[in-house]
Protein backbone atom coordinates (compact mmCIF):
# COMPACT_ATOMS: atom_id res chain seq x y z
CA UNK A 1 -0.02 -0.03 -0.05
CA UNK A 2 2.78 2.34 0.92
CA UNK A 3 4.41 1.84 -2.53
CA UNK A 4 0.99 2.37 -4.26
CA UNK A 5 0.59 5.68 -2.37
CA UNK A 6 4.13 6.84 -3.54
CA UNK A 7 3.32 5.77 -7.15
CA UNK A 8 0.10 7.95 -7.03
CA UNK A 9 1.81 10.86 -5.45
CA UNK A 10 4.51 10.77 -8.27
CA UNK A 11 1.77 10.33 -10.83
CA UNK A 12 -0.06 13.49 -9.34
CA UNK A 13 3.21 15.42 -9.36
CA UNK A 14 3.80 14.57 -12.98
CA UNK A 15 0.28 15.44 -13.94
CA UNK A 16 0.62 18.91 -12.23
CA UNK A 17 3.94 19.39 -14.07
CA UNK A 18 2.21 18.52 -17.35
CA UNK A 19 -0.54 20.97 -16.73
CA UNK A 20 1.98 23.74 -15.85
CA UNK A 21 3.92 23.03 -19.05
CA UNK A 22 0.86 22.81 -21.15
CA UNK A 23 -0.50 26.08 -19.59
CA UNK A 24 2.79 27.74 -20.38
CA UNK A 25 2.93 26.70 -23.96
CA UNK A 26 -0.75 27.19 -24.65
CA UNK A 27 -1.15 30.47 -22.84
CA UNK A 28 -0.38 32.65 -25.81
CA UNK A 29 -2.26 30.74 -28.52
CA UNK A 30 -5.33 30.78 -26.16
CA UNK A 31 -4.87 34.52 -25.62
CA UNK A 32 -4.69 35.01 -29.26
CA UNK A 33 -7.83 32.96 -29.86
CA UNK A 34 -10.06 34.73 -27.33
CA UNK A 35 -8.55 38.27 -27.25
CA UNK A 36 -6.03 39.14 -29.79
CA UNK A 37 -7.41 37.73 -32.94
CA UNK A 38 -11.14 38.77 -32.47
CA UNK A 39 -9.83 42.36 -31.90
CA UNK A 40 -7.90 42.05 -35.12
CA UNK A 41 -10.82 40.54 -36.95
CA UNK A 42 -12.97 43.46 -35.93
CA UNK A 43 -10.24 45.97 -36.96
CA UNK A 44 -9.95 44.31 -40.29
CA UNK A 45 -13.68 44.35 -40.94
CA UNK A 46 -13.71 48.08 -40.01
CA UNK A 47 -10.97 48.76 -42.45
CA UNK A 48 -12.80 46.78 -45.25
CA UNK A 49 -15.98 48.91 -44.60
CA UNK A 50 -13.83 51.86 -45.50
CA UNK A 51 -13.26 50.70 -49.09
CA UNK A 52 -13.34 53.60 -51.65
CA UNK A 53 -12.80 52.82 -55.35
CA UNK A 54 -9.63 54.55 -56.40
CA UNK A 55 -9.39 56.87 -59.45
CA UNK A 56 -5.79 56.95 -60.95
CA UNK A 57 -4.58 57.34 -64.57
CA UNK A 58 -2.72 54.14 -65.00
CA UNK A 59 -4.09 52.82 -68.20
CA UNK A 60 -2.95 49.16 -67.70
CA UNK A 61 -4.97 46.47 -66.05
CA UNK A 62 -3.79 45.37 -62.54
CA UNK A 63 -3.32 41.43 -62.44
CA UNK A 64 -2.52 39.64 -59.16
CA UNK A 65 -0.89 36.48 -58.63
CA UNK A 66 1.86 34.21 -57.10
CA UNK A 67 5.30 33.84 -58.64
CA UNK A 68 6.66 31.10 -56.34
CA UNK A 69 4.75 27.81 -55.69
CA UNK A 70 5.26 24.09 -55.83
CA UNK A 71 3.14 21.13 -57.01
CA UNK A 72 3.58 17.33 -57.24
CA UNK A 73 6.70 17.87 -59.53
CA UNK A 74 8.60 18.96 -56.50
CA UNK A 75 10.03 16.35 -54.12
CA UNK A 76 8.46 18.00 -51.21
CA UNK A 77 4.87 18.68 -52.33
CA UNK A 78 1.90 16.44 -53.58
CA UNK A 79 -0.10 19.32 -54.86
CA UNK A 80 -2.58 18.64 -57.89
CA UNK A 81 -4.67 20.88 -59.91
CA UNK A 82 -7.92 19.83 -58.26
CA UNK A 83 -6.77 21.44 -54.96
CA UNK A 84 -4.56 24.11 -56.42
CA UNK A 85 -6.99 25.87 -58.90
CA UNK A 86 -9.79 26.22 -56.40
CA UNK A 87 -7.47 27.71 -53.80
CA UNK A 88 -6.05 30.12 -56.34
CA UNK A 89 -9.61 31.15 -57.52
CA UNK A 90 -10.84 31.55 -53.93
CA UNK A 91 -7.76 33.81 -53.45
CA UNK A 92 -8.73 35.61 -56.51
CA UNK A 93 -5.38 35.08 -58.44
CA UNK A 94 -5.13 35.81 -62.16
CA UNK A 95 -1.79 33.90 -62.48
CA UNK A 96 0.42 31.20 -60.78
CA UNK A 97 3.93 30.65 -61.78
CA UNK A 98 5.36 27.40 -60.41
CA UNK A 99 8.95 27.00 -59.33
CA UNK A 100 9.31 23.32 -58.78
CA UNK A 101 12.47 21.65 -57.78
CA UNK A 102 14.47 20.09 -60.67
CA UNK A 103 14.21 16.20 -60.97
CA UNK A 104 17.48 15.88 -63.14
CA UNK A 105 20.31 17.93 -64.45
CA UNK A 106 18.58 18.13 -67.72
CA UNK A 107 15.44 20.14 -66.99
CA UNK A 108 12.81 19.92 -69.84
CA UNK A 109 10.15 22.70 -70.36
CA UNK A 110 7.18 22.84 -70.19
CA UNK A 111 6.41 20.17 -67.64
CA UNK A 112 3.99 19.51 -64.80
CA UNK A 113 1.26 22.22 -64.98
CA UNK A 114 1.27 24.86 -67.86
CA UNK A 115 -1.62 26.55 -69.59
CA UNK A 116 -4.89 28.24 -68.53
CA UNK A 117 -7.10 26.43 -66.09
CA UNK A 118 -10.57 28.03 -65.32
CA UNK A 119 -9.16 31.43 -66.39
CA UNK A 120 -5.90 30.86 -64.20
CA UNK A 121 -2.75 31.52 -66.07
CA UNK A 122 -0.43 28.74 -65.01
CA UNK A 123 3.37 28.71 -65.94
CA UNK A 124 5.93 26.04 -65.23
CA UNK A 125 9.40 26.91 -63.71
CA UNK A 126 12.23 25.66 -61.74
CA UNK A 127 13.70 26.59 -58.31
CA UNK A 128 17.34 25.49 -57.94
CA UNK A 129 20.63 26.99 -56.50
CA UNK A 130 18.85 30.28 -55.44
CA UNK A 131 17.17 30.81 -58.89
CA UNK A 132 13.66 30.68 -60.07
CA UNK A 133 13.71 30.20 -63.75
CA UNK A 134 10.82 30.37 -66.26
CA UNK A 135 11.81 30.01 -69.87
CA UNK A 136 8.39 30.54 -71.34
CA UNK A 137 9.18 28.32 -74.25
CA UNK A 138 9.90 24.66 -75.04
CA UNK A 139 13.63 24.03 -74.05
CA UNK A 140 16.07 22.06 -71.98
CA UNK A 141 18.16 23.70 -69.28
CA UNK A 142 21.36 22.02 -68.45
CA UNK A 143 21.99 22.66 -64.67
CA UNK A 144 25.48 21.25 -64.86
CA UNK A 145 26.51 24.57 -66.48
CA UNK A 146 27.58 27.49 -64.39
CA UNK A 147 24.83 29.62 -62.94
CA UNK A 148 25.71 32.51 -65.08
CA UNK A 149 25.38 30.35 -68.14
CA UNK A 150 21.99 29.03 -67.03
CA UNK A 151 20.83 32.65 -66.34
CA UNK A 152 21.89 33.90 -69.78
CA UNK A 153 20.37 30.88 -71.38
CA UNK A 154 16.89 31.76 -69.99
CA UNK A 155 16.99 35.54 -70.15
CA UNK A 156 18.43 35.90 -73.71
CA UNK A 157 15.60 34.15 -75.63
CA UNK A 158 12.99 36.14 -73.47
CA UNK A 159 12.56 34.00 -70.33
CA UNK A 160 12.46 35.15 -66.72
CA UNK A 161 15.13 34.63 -63.91
CA UNK A 162 14.31 35.63 -60.25
CA UNK A 163 16.59 35.33 -57.25
CA UNK A 164 14.76 33.59 -54.47
CA UNK A 165 15.45 32.93 -50.79
CA UNK A 166 17.42 36.36 -50.75
CA UNK A 167 18.35 35.94 -47.13
CA UNK A 168 20.96 33.54 -48.59
CA UNK A 169 24.24 34.49 -50.51
CA UNK A 170 23.82 35.20 -54.23
CA UNK A 171 25.99 36.57 -56.99
CA UNK A 172 24.43 40.11 -56.62
CA UNK A 173 26.62 41.48 -59.30
CA UNK A 174 25.43 39.20 -62.02
CA UNK A 175 24.18 41.43 -64.83
CA UNK A 176 21.47 39.20 -66.18
CA UNK A 177 18.95 38.18 -63.38
CA UNK A 178 15.85 40.47 -63.58
CA UNK A 179 14.11 40.37 -60.12
CA UNK A 180 14.57 39.28 -56.47
CA UNK A 181 12.17 38.25 -53.64
CA UNK A 182 11.83 41.18 -51.22
CA UNK A 183 9.47 38.92 -49.11
CA UNK A 184 9.09 35.04 -48.80
CA UNK A 185 6.94 33.32 -46.08
CA UNK A 186 9.57 30.60 -45.66
CA UNK A 187 12.38 33.28 -45.21
CA UNK A 188 10.13 34.91 -42.69
CA UNK A 189 9.51 31.51 -40.92
CA UNK A 190 13.17 30.77 -40.53
CA UNK A 191 14.05 34.10 -38.76
CA UNK A 192 11.76 33.26 -35.92
CA UNK A 193 14.12 33.44 -32.78
CA UNK A 194 11.86 31.17 -30.66
CA UNK A 195 11.71 28.54 -33.25
CA UNK A 196 8.82 26.90 -35.08
CA UNK A 197 7.13 25.23 -32.05
CA UNK A 198 5.14 28.36 -30.97
CA UNK A 199 3.87 28.77 -34.61
CA UNK A 200 2.85 25.14 -34.66
CA UNK A 201 1.06 25.29 -31.42
CA UNK A 202 -0.65 28.53 -32.27
CA UNK A 203 -1.67 27.13 -35.68
CA UNK A 204 -3.20 24.13 -33.95
CA UNK A 205 -5.24 26.24 -31.43
CA UNK A 206 -6.26 28.69 -34.13
CA UNK A 207 -6.66 26.41 -37.18
CA UNK A 208 -10.13 27.41 -38.02
CA UNK A 209 -11.50 30.96 -38.81
CA UNK A 210 -8.28 32.61 -37.30
CA UNK A 211 -5.89 30.57 -39.42
CA UNK A 212 -4.88 33.80 -41.40
CA UNK A 213 -3.77 35.50 -38.27
CA UNK A 214 -1.59 32.57 -37.40
CA UNK A 215 0.25 33.17 -40.63
CA UNK A 216 0.68 36.76 -39.60
CA UNK A 217 2.36 35.51 -36.48
CA UNK A 218 5.43 34.84 -38.63
CA UNK A 219 5.58 38.31 -40.16
CA UNK A 220 8.66 40.35 -39.55
CA UNK A 221 9.45 43.21 -41.92
CA UNK A 222 12.54 42.03 -43.88
CA UNK A 223 14.67 45.20 -43.33
CA UNK A 224 18.11 43.65 -44.37
CA UNK A 225 16.64 42.22 -47.66
CA UNK A 226 14.98 45.53 -48.39
CA UNK A 227 18.17 47.52 -47.75
CA UNK A 228 20.07 45.18 -50.10
CA UNK A 229 17.34 45.55 -52.64
CA UNK A 230 17.64 49.43 -52.39
CA UNK A 231 21.38 49.27 -52.64
CA UNK A 232 21.31 47.08 -55.74
CA UNK A 233 18.86 49.63 -57.47
CA UNK A 234 21.57 52.12 -57.17
CA UNK A 235 23.58 50.27 -59.89
CA UNK A 236 20.86 48.80 -62.06
CA UNK A 237 16.93 48.02 -62.22
CA UNK A 238 16.28 45.08 -59.99
CA UNK A 239 12.58 44.36 -59.63
CA UNK A 240 11.14 43.36 -56.19
CA UNK A 241 8.57 40.56 -56.07
CA UNK A 242 6.66 38.59 -53.20
CA UNK A 243 6.76 34.84 -52.82
CA UNK A 244 4.21 32.64 -51.14
CA UNK A 245 6.49 29.71 -51.72
CA UNK A 246 3.51 27.57 -51.42
CA UNK A 247 3.89 23.84 -50.94
CA UNK A 248 0.89 22.60 -48.86
CA UNK A 249 3.27 20.17 -47.19
CA UNK A 250 3.28 20.82 -43.40
CA UNK A 251 0.59 18.41 -42.66
CA UNK A 252 -0.52 14.92 -41.73
CA UNK A 253 -2.66 13.34 -44.45
CA UNK A 254 -3.82 9.95 -45.37
CA UNK A 255 -5.32 8.48 -48.54
CA UNK A 256 -6.39 4.94 -49.67
CA UNK A 257 -4.00 3.33 -52.23
CA UNK A 258 -5.18 1.36 -55.26
CA UNK A 259 -4.61 -1.96 -53.37
CA UNK A 260 -6.79 -1.09 -50.51
CA UNK A 261 -3.88 0.03 -48.02
CA UNK A 262 -3.77 3.54 -46.31
CA UNK A 263 -0.74 5.74 -46.93
CA UNK A 264 0.15 8.23 -44.11
CA UNK A 265 1.94 11.20 -45.38
CA UNK A 266 3.73 13.82 -43.08
CA UNK A 267 5.77 16.95 -43.30
CA UNK A 268 7.49 17.71 -46.60
CA UNK A 269 5.10 15.28 -48.32
CA UNK A 270 7.09 12.22 -47.13
CA UNK A 271 5.34 8.93 -46.64
CA UNK A 272 5.38 7.97 -42.96
CA UNK A 273 3.94 4.42 -43.41
CA UNK A 274 1.56 2.33 -45.43
CA UNK A 275 -0.81 0.23 -43.35
CA UNK A 276 -3.83 -2.01 -43.65
CA UNK A 277 -6.93 -0.04 -42.51
CA UNK A 278 -7.42 -0.42 -38.80
CA UNK A 279 -9.26 1.09 -35.90
CA UNK A 280 -7.41 4.36 -36.30
CA UNK A 281 -8.12 4.66 -39.99
CA UNK A 282 -11.83 3.76 -39.37
CA UNK A 283 -12.12 6.52 -36.91
CA UNK A 284 -10.20 9.31 -38.80
CA UNK A 285 -10.67 8.55 -42.54
CA UNK A 286 -13.68 9.92 -44.30
CA UNK A 287 -14.73 10.29 -48.02
CA UNK A 288 -11.64 11.15 -50.26
CA UNK A 289 -11.62 14.67 -51.44
CA UNK A 290 -10.92 15.77 -55.06
CA UNK A 291 -7.22 15.20 -54.52
CA UNK A 292 -7.87 11.86 -52.94
CA UNK A 293 -7.08 12.72 -49.37
CA UNK A 294 -9.42 10.84 -46.78
CA UNK A 295 -7.77 12.67 -43.86
CA UNK A 296 -6.11 16.08 -43.55
CA UNK A 297 -4.64 17.98 -40.58
CA UNK A 298 -2.85 20.86 -42.29
CA UNK A 299 -0.70 23.81 -41.01
CA UNK A 300 -0.29 25.35 -44.41
CA UNK A 301 -2.74 25.25 -47.20
CA UNK A 302 -2.70 26.57 -50.73
CA UNK A 303 -5.46 29.04 -50.09
CA UNK A 304 -3.75 30.64 -47.01
CA UNK A 305 -0.43 30.83 -48.74
CA UNK A 306 -1.94 32.20 -51.85
CA UNK A 307 -3.97 34.77 -49.93
CA UNK A 308 -1.02 35.88 -47.82
CA UNK A 309 1.41 37.46 -50.20
CA UNK A 310 0.66 38.47 -53.89
CA UNK A 311 2.59 40.27 -56.62
CA UNK A 312 0.48 42.71 -58.68
CA UNK A 313 1.57 43.37 -62.33
CA UNK A 314 0.42 46.05 -64.61
CA UNK A 315 0.35 44.89 -68.24
CA UNK A 316 -1.90 44.98 -71.23
CA UNK A 317 -3.04 41.45 -71.42
CA UNK A 318 -3.41 38.43 -69.22
CA UNK A 319 -0.81 36.04 -70.57
CA UNK A 320 2.50 34.54 -69.42
CA UNK A 321 4.62 36.65 -71.89
CA UNK A 322 2.73 39.79 -70.94
CA UNK A 323 3.02 39.28 -67.35
CA UNK A 324 6.66 38.58 -67.48
CA UNK A 325 7.25 41.82 -69.48
CA UNK A 326 5.28 43.71 -67.09
CA UNK A 327 7.25 42.40 -64.20
CA UNK A 328 10.60 42.96 -65.85
CA UNK A 329 9.62 46.53 -66.45
CA UNK A 330 8.94 46.91 -62.71
CA UNK A 331 5.35 47.70 -63.29
CA UNK A 332 4.60 45.82 -60.09
CA UNK A 333 3.87 45.93 -56.38
CA UNK A 334 3.52 43.37 -53.70
CA UNK A 335 0.78 43.25 -51.15
CA UNK A 336 -0.32 41.21 -48.15
CA UNK A 337 -3.73 40.22 -49.38
CA UNK A 338 -5.08 38.64 -46.26
CA UNK A 339 -5.07 42.20 -44.70
CA UNK A 340 -6.97 43.83 -47.53
CA UNK A 341 -7.51 43.36 -51.22
CA UNK A 342 -4.97 45.72 -53.03
CA UNK A 343 -6.28 45.95 -56.59
CA UNK A 344 -6.70 49.76 -57.26
CA UNK A 345 -3.50 50.83 -55.64
CA UNK A 346 -1.26 52.95 -57.83
CA UNK A 347 1.93 54.83 -57.61
CA UNK A 348 3.03 57.19 -60.47
CA UNK A 349 4.33 60.56 -61.48
CA UNK A 350 2.86 63.60 -63.24
CA UNK A 351 4.27 66.51 -65.17
CA UNK A 352 3.53 70.13 -64.75
CA UNK A 353 0.26 69.79 -66.66
CA UNK A 354 -0.71 67.12 -64.19
CA UNK A 355 -0.42 64.32 -66.95
CA UNK A 356 0.91 60.94 -66.13
CA UNK A 357 4.41 60.45 -67.21
CA UNK A 358 5.61 57.47 -65.41
CA UNK A 359 4.53 54.46 -63.25
CA UNK A 360 6.36 52.30 -60.81
CA UNK A 361 9.25 50.63 -62.68
CA UNK A 362 9.62 53.54 -65.23
CA UNK A 363 12.50 55.92 -65.68
CA UNK A 364 11.77 59.67 -66.07
CA UNK A 365 13.77 62.83 -66.17
CA UNK A 366 13.64 64.83 -62.93
CA UNK A 367 12.79 68.08 -65.01
CA UNK A 368 9.75 66.30 -66.21
CA UNK A 369 8.32 65.37 -62.73
CA UNK A 370 6.23 67.86 -61.01
CA UNK A 371 4.67 65.51 -58.48
CA UNK A 372 4.83 61.83 -57.25
CA UNK A 373 1.45 60.50 -56.47
CA UNK A 374 -0.44 57.45 -55.11
CA UNK A 375 -3.86 56.25 -54.50
CA UNK A 376 -5.15 53.43 -52.27
CA UNK A 377 -8.62 51.76 -51.82
CA UNK A 378 -8.30 51.95 -48.23
CA UNK A 379 -7.00 54.70 -45.79
CA UNK A 380 -3.24 53.95 -45.24
CA UNK A 381 -0.14 55.73 -44.05
CA UNK A 382 2.01 56.45 -47.13
CA UNK A 383 5.76 56.37 -46.55
CA UNK A 384 8.00 57.61 -49.40
CA UNK A 385 11.60 56.20 -49.66
CA UNK A 386 14.33 57.93 -51.86
CA UNK A 387 17.37 55.56 -52.46
CA UNK A 388 16.21 53.53 -49.47
CA UNK A 389 15.75 56.37 -47.01
CA UNK A 390 12.36 57.50 -45.76
CA UNK A 391 11.77 61.09 -46.77
CA UNK A 392 8.07 61.77 -46.42
CA UNK A 393 5.01 60.42 -44.59
CA UNK A 394 1.23 61.03 -44.79
CA UNK A 395 -1.03 59.36 -42.25
CA UNK A 396 -4.43 57.82 -42.80
CA UNK A 397 -5.05 58.94 -46.31
CA UNK A 398 -6.57 57.47 -49.44
CA UNK A 399 -4.24 59.54 -51.83
CA UNK A 400 -0.72 60.91 -51.59
CA UNK A 401 1.09 63.65 -53.37
CA UNK A 402 4.81 64.61 -53.02
CA UNK A 403 5.05 68.16 -54.10
CA UNK A 404 8.59 69.04 -53.05
CA UNK A 405 11.17 69.31 -55.77
CA UNK A 406 11.86 65.75 -57.07
CA UNK A 407 15.60 65.21 -57.57
CA UNK A 408 17.36 62.30 -59.16
CA UNK A 409 16.87 59.03 -57.21
CA UNK A 410 14.88 56.02 -56.89
CA UNK A 411 11.49 56.55 -55.23
CA UNK A 412 9.29 53.68 -53.83
CA UNK A 413 6.42 53.72 -51.52
CA UNK A 414 5.33 51.58 -48.44
CA UNK A 415 1.62 51.73 -47.57
CA UNK A 416 0.71 50.67 -44.03
CA UNK A 417 -2.90 49.71 -42.63
CA UNK A 418 -3.92 50.26 -39.08
CA UNK A 419 -4.60 46.98 -37.23
CA UNK A 420 -4.54 46.63 -33.42
CA UNK A 421 -2.41 49.46 -32.22
CA UNK A 422 0.15 49.40 -35.14
CA UNK A 423 0.45 50.48 -38.70
CA UNK A 424 1.57 47.42 -40.45
CA UNK A 425 3.04 47.26 -43.90
CA UNK A 426 0.42 46.26 -46.67
CA UNK A 427 1.89 47.32 -49.92
CA UNK A 428 5.50 47.69 -51.38
CA UNK A 429 5.83 49.15 -54.61
CA UNK A 430 8.74 49.01 -57.16
CA UNK A 431 10.65 52.39 -57.61
CA UNK A 432 10.04 55.06 -60.08
CA UNK A 433 13.66 55.85 -61.32
CA UNK A 434 14.08 59.66 -61.65
CA UNK A 435 17.36 60.74 -63.35
């Protein structure tokens, strides 16, 4: 009896310790669920109610989409069109450029998904060695060549080369790459000083209607990357773009195989085990969805990634070639779409007669610029940067005008929306190059 009492005392102590640890780990996610996120949700709804259709003179349509995503062609994704296209349409994307990991040194294009699906422009591309390459034509890329040669072989015939994961070392002096990521969800994830566990726990507690706020927990303004981008633009035009880096692979999923077994798939789309259906499978598995999954517990989804960060491109038609041309010209801005839909935002310059003479990405003579202007569909705080340094600010406004003398330099805008008690970044534009 004495041993039994000692055993139960130890068990009680362990249980109390477990409750203390659980309380410590779950305190913040629960506070978020019951206090922080409902407040942010109300603030966002109040912001949306202030929508006002902007009027600006930019004559080109604004197309929004994602330039960095993965499907089944990558080793760390199982994504298929039946789940990708509905998620993209729900996020109101016009285009989706894949950047799948290469399968062999000889990389054939097009492959995987390429074409138009339910009005969505889909283009195939490869991510490798810090590059995202999109040839936009039938070709074979030899990845055994030097990266300089690979870049030239894509760019010279009219393709697109982006620098991705720009927190890592790159050959910044290469003369041929056209653009770089100024924000990437994965980059933002790996800079978390407390590690990934708090994000996982928060996502588990807030996996329902507050999932988008869980994504925002990762957000840190990428000041070092932005500073590098500004510095590079002092030497030549480098376009800034945003990257969802969508994989839909941080999950536990299960599906029935053709032979009646059940495959359990874990993180990075890796098979954990293949078993005969047992009690666990009977309890958890339901009717397979359009992609074949009979059970899903997901941290990331295509929709939430697609709806987090977008790149908007001004161009004349909705086609892969026109989108690429518009992007390379710098006629683009990035937006955090889960805060508010950004279509209608514009940044441009006007001459002495108030006529438009440049939009973001354009070069224009200083003597031709009377004002730098911007419009927003929501009230924002506009911050104007010249050569990477903030020179002006206008709070809580739908429009902006910089009427001081415009001297030579690269001018870009950051627009911030008010959520909680902060003005948080919502839009980053590409520069207008004044010479």
